[in-house]
Every structure is written in C-alpha cells, then in structure tokens.
Amino acid sequence: MKTRREFHKLVAATAAGLAAPAILGGRAFAQDKPIRIGASVSLTGPLASTKNGLIGYELWRDDVNAAGGLLGRKVELVTYDDQSSAANVPAIYSKLVDVDACDVLFSPYGANLSAPVMPFIKQRDLFMIGMFGLAGNDVARHDKFFHSGPWGPNSGRDWARGFFDLAKGQGVTKIAIINADLEFSKNAAKGGAEVAKEYGIDVVFNQSYPPNTTDFSSIIRNINAADPEAIFIASYPADSTAIIRGVKEIGISDKVKLFGGAMIGPQYGALLSSLGPELNGIVNSHTFVPEPTMQTSAIKSFFDRYTPIAVKQSVDPLGFYIPPFYYVAGQLAEAAIKGSNSVDPAKMAEYLHANEVDTIAGKIGFNEIGDWKERRVLMVQLRGIKGNDLEQFRNPGHQVILDPPSLKTGDLAGPYNAARAG
C-alpha cells in the first residue's frame, strides 16, 4: 500500500508509463513471477469508511496463497490510496497496468470513483471486477467487466425494486422520493420513480438536495404536506443521519408504511451504534445481515477472521456491507484464472460468462455485461434495537429480511411510526 507522498510520485511515473502503453493480456510472464491484482482503495477522504474492504482482499490473497497460489504462482496485491477522489483514479489505473503490470484489476469503490476508469478499461480491453458501482457497466457495456455486488440485471432501475415490491404489497398508492444530488443517489431515485410508475404508485413528492445539506426540516414538512404512504430515500451517511434526526424532531405522518430504501449509513457499525433505537422501523437496503437464511460455514469463517483484524485496525468491527464482497471479488478472479488456465482477459471473461462461481456470498452467474443474473439486494427492517451497544447487531432479529422472498426471515412491521416505537 502506497502512502499519500508515494502517490504523488506515482502520478509522475504514470506519465512515463502512458507514453509507452502495453497490452495487459498479451504480455509474456515468467512463471515464477506472482500474479498481480491491482486496485485503488479509499484509505483517506470522505469514503475512508470503505477501507475495511481491503481486509477482504487480503484475507482472500492469504487463503489462495496458502493453497498454493494460482497457476503455480503466488498472488500479490498492488493497491494505492485514491483519497476518495475521482480525479486520482485515471492515473492510478494507468500505473497499475503500464508500470505495475497487473494481470487483474479491481475497480475503485462505488459509481462516483469507478466511472472515470471505465473508458480506459474499455479502450484497453482489460479484465476488471467492479466494486459496488451501481450500473457501473451500463454505458460502457464492456464484456470483460463483472460486478462483485449483488445488484442484478438492469441495476440502475431495479436494484431497489424490493422496496417497491413491499410498498405494492402494502397497497401503497402514493410515494415521496428524495435523493442527494450525487451519482449513486440520483440513479437510485430515477430507477425508483420508474418502478413506482410501473406499479401504478403516484410519486407525489420528488426532490433532490445538495450533498452538503444538514437541515431537512423544510423537506420533511413538505413531504408531510404531500401526504405519501411511503418515503423512498437515496442518501449518504451524513444526510441519512440528518434525515433520521429531522424526522425524530418534526415527526412523520401516521399514514407512512415504509420509510428508507436506499440510505447509505445504516449498514455501517458507526452509524448503527450512534443512532441505535432511532433506526427502529426503517426498511433499507443491505448486502449481508446475520439472519438464519444467510448464515453458512463459509461466511461464518470469514467473519471469525475479519473481526479481530478490524478491531485491531479500528475499522467497522461488524463489516457486514462491504468486506465479504471484496473477498468475493478475489474468488471471482480466482475462478476466472483457474477456469481458463490463463490470465488472458478474453479467456478469463469467457469463463465467467459461461460458468457459475461458488463464493462465500453464494453461487453467482453473470449476464452479458457482468451483472449478477439474479438480483440479491436485501431489504431489511431494523427493529428491536435497544440502546447503542453495537454487539446486538451480531444477533438475528434486529435486521429482519423482508425481501427477497428466498431469504425472507419476517414480515413488515408497521406502519412506520408504530415500528419506530419498537
């Protein structure tokens, strides 16, 4: 892992690398050299809460090397701090390819940081595993890109469809939608409005807000005036917290049956601990929760090893949302390399398109643009939360799975105000 000072050095080195680009898959390697996996990670900046994903990468690397490596070669991770800045991403990935000679790439975290690298990946015809970028390949449609996250096909519109399925099942006819004016949140809100229209649900309030908004009192009052029966929110951690505390102060109509959907923050230990019982009743998206339908020996083994490392590094000790899927990214690369007996991008991609892969998150198959064939985003309801002890979230019953039906562990408790009361 490179430091901030070293990053500035690599930018200069990249300029030289760009002058003499090489083709990643066509390079001949000595068999004693390690297979290199390249990625940027947000160790600093506003997305630093995602840096615990690096533990997932490192656990996978250690496991695969302990088992003898891949194609008889050790696996080496090459990572840089992107400082949560999209401006740093192109230089980092140019260096990973042209200077570090990486065989496989993992994308930066999320849509905002991944978007700048997609034209480069497409132009150079490289193999990449995408890390949590919603609809990250919908525009480029690169056939060597594969998502590690469970968004499913048509993810720009459908990834949060489970929230609207629940609303439809509750007989909701009017919904309010609010979102931060950022890439992920805008996509989620746009997709939500389309699904609402498909289900015949009238969007009675639809507003975006600047990402630095801290006072939501006027928005909440306007939502109440619109009289919705459900409220779909696409927000980031700071605004998620401000919205929840705004509702506590101002109140929300008793008619509201569902509240939440695409709020980033309630998936992380820091926010679960700080808000505690204020989260009761919220229905929100997630990727993993410790409910009985999701527990397997493989995922248990992962968290048994993740937790002590996370505690030592002072990062999220729960790590439910991101770290397992960083381990999954490694498993996908591993399957592609082993299955194709190659690090050639075309052969690796051909294997993943043709074969399902067993991972700690279950069996995964891909469509033509690398989306999971089956959407597996969870809609969970937070409830029964007492006090601010983070350890309670390791037990089932506090993040009850409402959707998808195949993983369901309970029915919706509502309406929202009654569920908030616990």
Protein backbone atom coordinates (compact mmCIF):
# COMPACT_ATOMS: atom_id res chain seq x y z
CA MET A 1 0.00 0.00 0.00
CA LYS A 2 1.38 3.35 -1.02
CA THR A 3 1.32 6.42 1.22
CA ARG A 4 0.00 9.85 0.17
CA ARG A 5 3.56 11.06 -0.54
CA GLU A 6 4.26 7.99 -2.64
CA PHE A 7 1.04 8.58 -4.54
CA HIS A 8 2.32 11.90 -5.90
CA LYS A 9 5.45 10.08 -7.07
CA LEU A 10 3.41 7.50 -8.89
CA VAL A 11 1.46 10.19 -10.76
CA ALA A 12 4.75 11.38 -12.25
CA ALA A 13 5.81 7.84 -13.01
CA THR A 14 2.49 7.22 -14.71
CA ALA A 15 3.12 9.95 -17.22
CA ALA A 16 6.11 7.98 -18.46
CA GLY A 17 4.06 4.79 -18.43
CA LEU A 18 1.32 6.36 -20.55
CA ALA A 19 3.88 7.24 -23.17
CA ALA A 20 4.62 3.59 -23.78
CA PRO A 21 1.43 1.62 -23.10
CA ALA A 22 1.47 -2.13 -23.11
CA ILE A 23 -1.33 -4.64 -23.71
CA LEU A 24 -2.11 -6.31 -20.40
CA GLY A 25 -3.25 -9.68 -21.64
CA GLY A 26 -0.63 -10.04 -24.34
CA ARG A 27 2.41 -9.75 -22.12
CA ALA A 28 4.55 -12.84 -21.62
CA PHE A 29 5.28 -13.61 -17.97
CA ALA A 30 7.90 -15.73 -16.35
CA GLN A 31 6.13 -18.48 -14.45
CA ASP A 32 7.93 -17.66 -11.23
CA LYS A 33 6.54 -14.13 -11.10
CA PRO A 34 3.47 -13.50 -8.97
CA ILE A 35 0.07 -12.89 -10.45
CA ARG A 36 -0.66 -9.26 -9.68
CA ILE A 37 -4.08 -7.93 -8.69
CA GLY A 38 -4.33 -4.14 -8.86
CA ALA A 39 -6.82 -1.82 -7.16
CA SER A 40 -7.34 1.56 -5.60
CA VAL A 41 -8.83 1.77 -2.11
CA SER A 42 -10.17 4.88 -0.36
CA LEU A 43 -7.93 4.88 2.70
CA THR A 44 -8.44 8.60 3.24
CA GLY A 45 -11.09 11.19 2.36
CA PRO A 46 -14.88 11.04 2.66
CA LEU A 47 -15.09 7.38 1.56
CA ALA A 48 -12.48 6.15 4.05
CA SER A 49 -15.22 4.19 5.86
CA THR A 50 -14.98 1.71 2.97
CA LYS A 51 -11.31 0.93 3.59
CA ASN A 52 -12.24 -2.16 5.59
CA GLY A 53 -12.82 -3.79 2.21
CA LEU A 54 -9.05 -4.12 1.98
CA ILE A 55 -9.26 -6.75 4.72
CA GLY A 56 -11.46 -8.81 2.41
CA TYR A 57 -8.87 -8.56 -0.38
CA GLU A 58 -6.05 -9.54 1.97
CA LEU A 59 -7.89 -12.49 3.51
CA TRP A 60 -8.59 -13.86 0.04
CA ARG A 61 -4.96 -13.34 -1.03
CA ASP A 62 -3.70 -15.14 2.08
CA ASP A 63 -6.13 -18.02 1.54
CA VAL A 64 -5.25 -18.53 -2.11
CA ASN A 65 -1.51 -18.33 -1.44
CA ALA A 66 -1.81 -20.78 1.45
CA ALA A 67 -3.46 -23.17 -1.02
CA GLY A 68 -0.53 -22.90 -3.46
CA GLY A 69 -1.42 -19.77 -5.42
CA LEU A 70 -2.89 -19.64 -8.92
CA LEU A 71 -1.39 -21.49 -11.89
CA GLY A 72 1.53 -22.31 -9.61
CA ARG A 73 2.25 -18.63 -8.95
CA LYS A 74 1.78 -16.58 -5.79
CA VAL A 75 -0.81 -13.80 -5.78
CA GLU A 76 0.29 -10.24 -5.00
CA LEU A 77 -1.98 -7.29 -4.27
CA VAL A 78 -0.91 -3.89 -5.61
CA THR A 79 -3.04 -1.13 -4.09
CA TYR A 80 -2.99 2.66 -3.83
CA ASP A 81 -4.95 5.19 -1.82
CA ASP A 82 -7.23 7.11 -4.21
CA GLN A 83 -8.00 9.58 -1.40
CA SER A 84 -11.72 9.24 -2.29
CA SER A 85 -11.09 11.48 -5.29
CA ALA A 86 -12.24 10.60 -8.80
CA ALA A 87 -9.50 12.89 -10.15
CA ASN A 88 -6.84 10.49 -8.85
CA VAL A 89 -8.35 7.34 -10.36
CA PRO A 90 -7.18 7.52 -14.02
CA ALA A 91 -3.50 7.95 -13.06
CA ILE A 92 -3.66 5.13 -10.53
CA TYR A 93 -5.12 2.64 -13.01
CA SER A 94 -2.75 3.67 -15.76
CA LYS A 95 0.12 2.90 -13.42
CA LEU A 96 -1.40 -0.40 -12.28
CA VAL A 97 -1.47 -1.50 -15.92
CA ASP A 98 1.57 0.08 -17.55
CA VAL A 99 4.07 0.24 -14.69
CA ASP A 100 2.97 -2.40 -12.16
CA ALA A 101 1.93 -4.88 -14.89
CA CYS A 102 -1.14 -6.12 -13.04
CA ASP A 103 -2.96 -9.11 -14.51
CA VAL A 104 -6.38 -8.41 -12.99
CA LEU A 105 -7.96 -5.14 -11.83
CA PHE A 106 -10.50 -4.44 -9.10
CA SER A 107 -12.32 -1.14 -9.58
CA PRO A 108 -12.40 1.72 -7.05
CA TYR A 109 -15.33 1.73 -4.62
CA GLY A 110 -18.69 2.90 -5.93
CA ALA A 111 -20.09 4.57 -9.02
CA ASN A 112 -18.55 8.01 -8.46
CA LEU A 113 -14.96 6.71 -8.41
CA SER A 114 -15.44 3.89 -10.93
CA ALA A 115 -16.92 6.00 -13.72
CA PRO A 116 -13.61 7.70 -14.68
CA VAL A 117 -11.82 4.39 -15.22
CA MET A 118 -14.42 2.69 -17.42
CA PRO A 119 -13.38 4.35 -20.73
CA PHE A 120 -9.77 3.27 -20.06
CA ILE A 121 -10.80 -0.32 -19.30
CA LYS A 122 -12.92 -0.46 -22.43
CA GLN A 123 -10.28 1.12 -24.68
CA ARG A 124 -7.52 -1.19 -23.46
CA ASP A 125 -9.81 -4.23 -23.37
CA LEU A 126 -8.89 -5.12 -19.77
CA PHE A 127 -10.40 -7.54 -17.26
CA MET A 128 -11.96 -5.88 -14.20
CA ILE A 129 -14.08 -6.84 -11.20
CA GLY A 130 -16.35 -3.93 -10.23
CA MET A 131 -16.67 -2.92 -6.57
CA PHE A 132 -20.10 -1.56 -5.65
CA GLY A 133 -20.55 0.70 -8.68
CA LEU A 134 -24.30 0.73 -9.31
CA ALA A 135 -25.00 0.28 -13.04
CA GLY A 136 -21.24 0.62 -13.47
CA ASN A 137 -21.10 -1.07 -16.88
CA ASP A 138 -24.46 0.00 -18.31
CA VAL A 139 -22.88 2.67 -20.54
CA ALA A 140 -19.53 1.09 -21.48
CA ARG A 141 -21.07 -2.42 -21.79
CA HIS A 142 -17.56 -3.89 -21.64
CA ASP A 143 -17.63 -7.70 -21.94
CA LYS A 144 -14.71 -8.18 -19.53
CA PHE A 145 -16.29 -6.39 -16.54
CA PHE A 146 -18.03 -8.28 -13.72
CA HIS A 147 -19.76 -6.96 -10.60
CA SER A 148 -18.88 -8.37 -7.19
CA GLY A 149 -22.00 -6.74 -5.71
CA PRO A 150 -25.49 -8.32 -5.87
CA TRP A 151 -27.25 -5.57 -7.82
CA GLY A 152 -28.63 -7.86 -10.52
CA PRO A 153 -29.62 -7.03 -14.10
CA ASN A 154 -30.90 -3.57 -15.05
CA SER A 155 -29.46 -2.41 -11.74
CA GLY A 156 -29.83 1.29 -12.47
CA ARG A 157 -33.60 0.85 -12.30
CA ASP A 158 -34.17 -2.39 -10.43
CA TRP A 159 -31.60 -2.78 -7.63
CA ALA A 160 -34.03 -1.35 -5.03
CA ARG A 161 -37.13 -2.90 -6.59
CA GLY A 162 -37.63 -4.93 -3.41
CA PHE A 163 -38.66 -1.73 -1.57
CA PHE A 164 -41.36 -1.08 -4.17
CA ASP A 165 -42.46 -4.71 -4.13
CA LEU A 166 -43.09 -4.30 -0.39
CA ALA A 167 -44.91 -0.99 -0.98
CA LYS A 168 -47.11 -2.58 -3.61
CA GLY A 169 -47.85 -5.47 -1.26
CA GLN A 170 -48.97 -2.98 1.40
CA GLY A 171 -51.36 -1.30 -1.03
CA VAL A 172 -49.33 1.93 -1.22
CA THR A 173 -50.72 4.32 -3.84
CA LYS A 174 -48.66 7.47 -3.09
CA ILE A 175 -44.91 7.75 -2.52
CA ALA A 176 -42.37 10.53 -1.86
CA ILE A 177 -38.80 10.29 -3.21
CA ILE A 178 -35.82 12.37 -2.08
CA ASN A 179 -32.15 11.97 -3.03
CA ALA A 180 -28.73 13.53 -2.66
CA ASP A 181 -27.53 15.20 -5.85
CA LEU A 182 -24.77 12.61 -6.41
CA GLU A 183 -24.31 9.82 -8.97
CA PHE A 184 -25.47 6.83 -6.89
CA SER A 185 -28.37 8.61 -5.25
CA LYS A 186 -29.61 10.15 -8.49
CA ASN A 187 -29.56 6.75 -10.21
CA ALA A 188 -31.40 5.12 -7.31
CA ALA A 189 -34.09 7.83 -7.23
CA LYS A 190 -34.53 7.78 -11.00
CA GLY A 191 -34.87 4.00 -11.00
CA GLY A 192 -37.28 4.13 -8.06
CA ALA A 193 -39.54 6.62 -9.84
CA GLU A 194 -39.64 4.34 -12.89
CA VAL A 195 -40.58 1.28 -10.82
CA ALA A 196 -43.23 3.29 -8.95
CA LYS A 197 -44.77 4.30 -12.28
CA GLU A 198 -44.68 0.66 -13.43
CA TYR A 199 -46.59 -0.36 -10.28
CA GLY A 200 -49.13 2.44 -10.61
CA ILE A 201 -47.83 4.24 -7.49
CA ASP A 202 -48.19 8.04 -7.75
CA VAL A 203 -44.97 9.95 -6.95
CA VAL A 204 -46.46 12.89 -5.01
CA PHE A 205 -43.12 14.44 -3.99
CA ASN A 206 -39.76 14.11 -5.77
CA GLN A 207 -36.83 16.30 -4.78
CA SER A 208 -33.03 16.17 -4.84
CA TYR A 209 -30.92 18.13 -2.37
CA PRO A 210 -27.29 19.35 -2.34
CA PRO A 211 -24.93 16.76 -0.84
CA ASN A 212 -23.86 19.13 1.96
CA THR A 213 -27.43 19.57 3.27
CA THR A 214 -27.67 19.25 7.06
CA ASP A 215 -31.13 20.70 7.79
CA PHE A 216 -34.01 18.67 6.35
CA SER A 217 -36.81 20.31 8.31
CA SER A 218 -38.38 22.08 5.32
CA ILE A 219 -38.13 18.94 3.15
CA ILE A 220 -39.78 16.80 5.84
CA ARG A 221 -42.59 19.35 6.27
CA ASN A 222 -43.13 19.40 2.51
CA ILE A 223 -43.22 15.59 2.43
CA ASN A 224 -45.86 15.59 5.17
CA ALA A 225 -47.87 18.11 3.19
CA ALA A 226 -47.78 15.79 0.14
CA ASP A 227 -49.36 13.03 2.30
CA PRO A 228 -47.45 9.96 0.97
CA GLU A 229 -47.87 6.39 2.22
CA ALA A 230 -44.21 5.51 1.65
CA ILE A 231 -40.96 7.52 1.52
CA PHE A 232 -38.01 6.33 -0.60
CA ILE A 233 -34.72 7.96 0.37
CA ALA A 234 -31.40 7.76 -1.51
CA SER A 235 -28.82 9.34 0.78
CA TYR A 236 -25.25 9.16 2.07
CA PRO A 237 -24.23 8.64 5.72
CA ALA A 238 -24.18 12.27 6.86
CA ASP A 239 -27.53 13.12 5.29
CA SER A 240 -29.03 9.75 6.36
CA THR A 241 -28.26 10.73 9.95
CA ALA A 242 -29.65 14.25 9.49
CA ILE A 243 -32.88 12.94 7.91
CA ILE A 244 -33.47 10.39 10.70
CA ARG A 245 -32.90 13.03 13.38
CA GLY A 246 -35.08 15.50 11.47
CA VAL A 247 -37.94 13.00 11.48
CA LYS A 248 -37.48 12.50 15.22
CA GLU A 249 -37.78 16.24 15.75
CA ILE A 250 -40.58 17.09 13.32
CA GLY A 251 -42.45 13.79 13.04
CA ILE A 252 -43.91 11.99 10.05
CA SER A 253 -47.47 11.14 9.06
CA ASP A 254 -49.06 8.04 10.61
CA LYS A 255 -50.07 7.04 7.08
CA VAL A 256 -46.45 6.22 6.14
CA LYS A 257 -45.99 2.45 5.93
CA LEU A 258 -42.40 2.25 4.60
CA PHE A 259 -39.50 4.64 5.18
CA GLY A 260 -35.97 4.21 3.78
CA GLY A 261 -34.89 2.15 0.77
CA ALA A 262 -31.51 3.44 -0.38
CA MET A 263 -29.99 5.11 2.67
CA ILE A 264 -26.24 4.60 2.90
CA GLY A 265 -25.08 4.61 6.52
CA PRO A 266 -27.36 2.25 8.46
CA GLN A 267 -25.26 -0.61 7.06
CA TYR A 268 -22.17 0.57 8.98
CA GLY A 269 -21.30 -0.09 12.60
CA ALA A 270 -20.53 3.56 13.38
CA LEU A 271 -23.99 4.76 12.42
CA LEU A 272 -25.77 1.72 13.92
CA SER A 273 -24.07 2.49 17.21
CA SER A 274 -24.58 6.26 17.17
CA LEU A 275 -28.28 6.20 16.19
CA GLY A 276 -29.30 2.98 17.99
CA PRO A 277 -33.08 2.93 18.64
CA GLU A 278 -33.66 5.88 16.29
CA LEU A 279 -33.22 3.38 13.46
CA ASN A 280 -36.18 1.21 14.50
CA GLY A 281 -38.76 0.79 11.77
CA ILE A 282 -36.56 1.80 8.82
CA VAL A 283 -36.70 -0.52 5.79
CA ASN A 284 -33.42 -0.29 3.96
CA SER A 285 -31.10 -1.99 1.50
CA HIS A 286 -28.22 -4.22 2.59
CA THR A 287 -25.93 -6.88 1.21
CA PHE A 288 -25.50 -9.16 4.23
CA VAL A 289 -27.08 -9.44 7.69
CA PRO A 290 -26.67 -12.23 10.27
CA GLU A 291 -30.13 -13.71 9.76
CA PRO A 292 -30.53 -17.52 9.73
CA THR A 293 -31.19 -17.70 5.98
CA MET A 294 -27.78 -16.15 5.22
CA GLN A 295 -25.57 -17.98 7.67
CA THR A 296 -23.21 -20.54 6.16
CA SER A 297 -19.97 -22.04 7.43
CA ALA A 298 -18.06 -20.11 4.76
CA ILE A 299 -19.43 -16.68 5.73
CA LYS A 300 -19.02 -17.51 9.43
CA SER A 301 -15.38 -18.40 8.83
CA PHE A 302 -14.87 -15.11 7.01
CA PHE A 303 -16.25 -13.00 9.86
CA ASP A 304 -14.42 -15.06 12.51
CA ARG A 305 -11.20 -13.89 10.85
CA TYR A 306 -12.36 -10.40 9.81
CA THR A 307 -13.50 -9.18 13.23
CA PRO A 308 -10.20 -9.34 15.18
CA ILE A 309 -8.35 -7.68 12.30
CA ALA A 310 -10.97 -4.93 12.07
CA VAL A 311 -10.82 -4.30 15.80
CA LYS A 312 -7.03 -4.07 15.65
CA GLN A 313 -7.21 -1.63 12.72
CA SER A 314 -10.04 0.41 14.32
CA VAL A 315 -12.38 -0.02 11.34
CA ASP A 316 -16.01 -1.20 11.33
CA PRO A 317 -15.98 -4.30 13.59
CA LEU A 318 -19.19 -5.65 12.00
CA GLY A 319 -18.15 -5.26 8.36
CA PHE A 320 -21.38 -6.73 7.01
CA TYR A 321 -21.85 -4.47 4.00
CA ILE A 322 -18.55 -4.32 2.09
CA PRO A 323 -15.77 -6.72 3.21
CA PRO A 324 -17.43 -10.04 2.23
CA PHE A 325 -17.85 -8.79 -1.33
CA TYR A 326 -14.21 -7.74 -1.55
CA TYR A 327 -13.39 -11.34 -0.69
CA VAL A 328 -15.91 -12.38 -3.37
CA ALA A 329 -14.03 -10.23 -5.91
CA GLY A 330 -10.95 -12.33 -5.23
CA GLN A 331 -12.93 -15.53 -5.59
CA LEU A 332 -14.26 -14.37 -8.97
CA ALA A 333 -10.75 -13.58 -10.20
CA GLU A 334 -9.56 -16.92 -8.84
CA ALA A 335 -12.31 -18.81 -10.66
CA ALA A 336 -11.61 -16.96 -13.91
CA ILE A 337 -7.87 -17.68 -13.78
CA LYS A 338 -8.21 -21.31 -12.72
CA GLY A 339 -11.13 -22.00 -15.05
CA SER A 340 -9.43 -20.55 -18.09
CA ASN A 341 -5.95 -21.69 -17.03
CA SER A 342 -4.83 -18.24 -18.08
CA VAL A 343 -4.52 -14.54 -17.21
CA ASP A 344 -5.63 -13.60 -20.71
CA PRO A 345 -8.55 -11.12 -20.30
CA ALA A 346 -10.62 -12.65 -23.10
CA LYS A 347 -10.24 -16.21 -21.79
CA MET A 348 -10.99 -15.19 -18.19
CA ALA A 349 -14.08 -13.28 -19.27
CA GLU A 350 -15.26 -16.14 -21.44
CA TYR A 351 -15.06 -18.48 -18.44
CA LEU A 352 -17.07 -16.22 -16.13
CA HIS A 353 -19.75 -15.66 -18.75
CA ALA A 354 -20.13 -19.41 -19.21
CA ASN A 355 -19.87 -20.70 -15.64
CA GLU A 356 -21.40 -20.00 -12.23
CA VAL A 357 -18.96 -19.42 -9.38
CA ASP A 358 -19.31 -20.64 -5.78
CA THR A 359 -18.44 -17.83 -3.36
CA ILE A 360 -18.94 -17.02 0.32
CA ALA A 361 -21.97 -14.97 -0.82
CA GLY A 362 -23.44 -17.94 -2.68
CA LYS A 363 -23.42 -19.09 -6.28
CA ILE A 364 -23.05 -16.27 -8.85
CA GLY A 365 -23.78 -16.26 -12.58
CA PHE A 366 -23.35 -13.28 -14.91
CA ASN A 367 -25.21 -11.76 -17.86
CA GLU A 368 -23.58 -10.24 -20.94
CA ILE A 369 -22.48 -7.01 -19.16
CA GLY A 370 -21.30 -8.65 -15.95
CA ASP A 371 -24.38 -8.07 -13.77
CA TRP A 372 -25.43 -10.90 -11.48
CA LYS A 373 -28.16 -12.77 -13.35
CA GLU A 374 -30.30 -12.70 -10.22
CA ARG A 375 -30.78 -9.59 -8.05
CA ARG A 376 -29.99 -10.38 -4.45
CA VAL A 377 -30.14 -6.96 -2.77
CA LEU A 378 -31.71 -7.31 0.67
CA MET A 379 -34.48 -5.12 2.05
CA VAL A 380 -34.19 -5.38 5.82
CA GLN A 381 -36.21 -3.78 8.60
CA LEU A 382 -34.31 -2.52 11.62
CA ARG A 383 -36.22 -3.28 14.80
CA GLY A 384 -35.94 -4.31 18.41
CA ILE A 385 -32.90 -2.06 18.83
CA LYS A 386 -32.29 -1.05 22.44
CA GLY A 387 -29.50 1.27 23.48
CA ASN A 388 -26.34 1.84 21.46
CA ASP A 389 -24.48 -1.44 22.00
CA LEU A 390 -23.07 -2.49 18.64
CA GLU A 391 -22.84 -6.15 19.64
CA GLN A 392 -26.65 -6.56 19.49
CA PHE A 393 -26.41 -6.34 15.69
CA ARG A 394 -24.45 -9.59 15.55
CA ASN A 395 -27.64 -11.36 16.66
CA PRO A 396 -30.59 -12.20 14.38
CA GLY A 397 -33.83 -10.28 14.74
CA HIS A 398 -32.51 -6.72 14.54
CA GLN A 399 -32.15 -6.56 10.73
CA VAL A 400 -35.03 -8.73 9.59
CA ILE A 401 -35.02 -9.68 5.90
CA LEU A 402 -38.28 -8.74 4.17
CA ASP A 403 -37.08 -9.26 0.58
CA PRO A 404 -36.11 -11.24 -1.50
CA PRO A 405 -38.62 -13.96 -0.64
CA SER A 406 -35.95 -16.67 -0.89
CA LEU A 407 -34.08 -15.17 2.10
CA LYS A 408 -37.05 -13.70 3.99
CA THR A 409 -36.98 -14.01 7.80
CA GLY A 410 -40.02 -11.91 8.75
CA ASP A 411 -42.94 -9.72 7.70
CA LEU A 412 -43.05 -5.93 7.63
CA ALA A 413 -43.82 -4.36 11.00
CA GLY A 414 -45.77 -1.19 10.51
CA PRO A 415 -46.88 1.43 9.96
CA TYR A 416 -43.57 3.25 10.30
CA ASN A 417 -44.44 5.29 13.38
CA ALA A 418 -45.58 2.16 15.24
CA ALA A 419 -42.41 0.30 14.19
CA ARG A 420 -40.30 3.28 15.33
CA ALA A 421 -41.78 2.93 18.81
CA GLY A 422 -40.36 -0.60 18.93
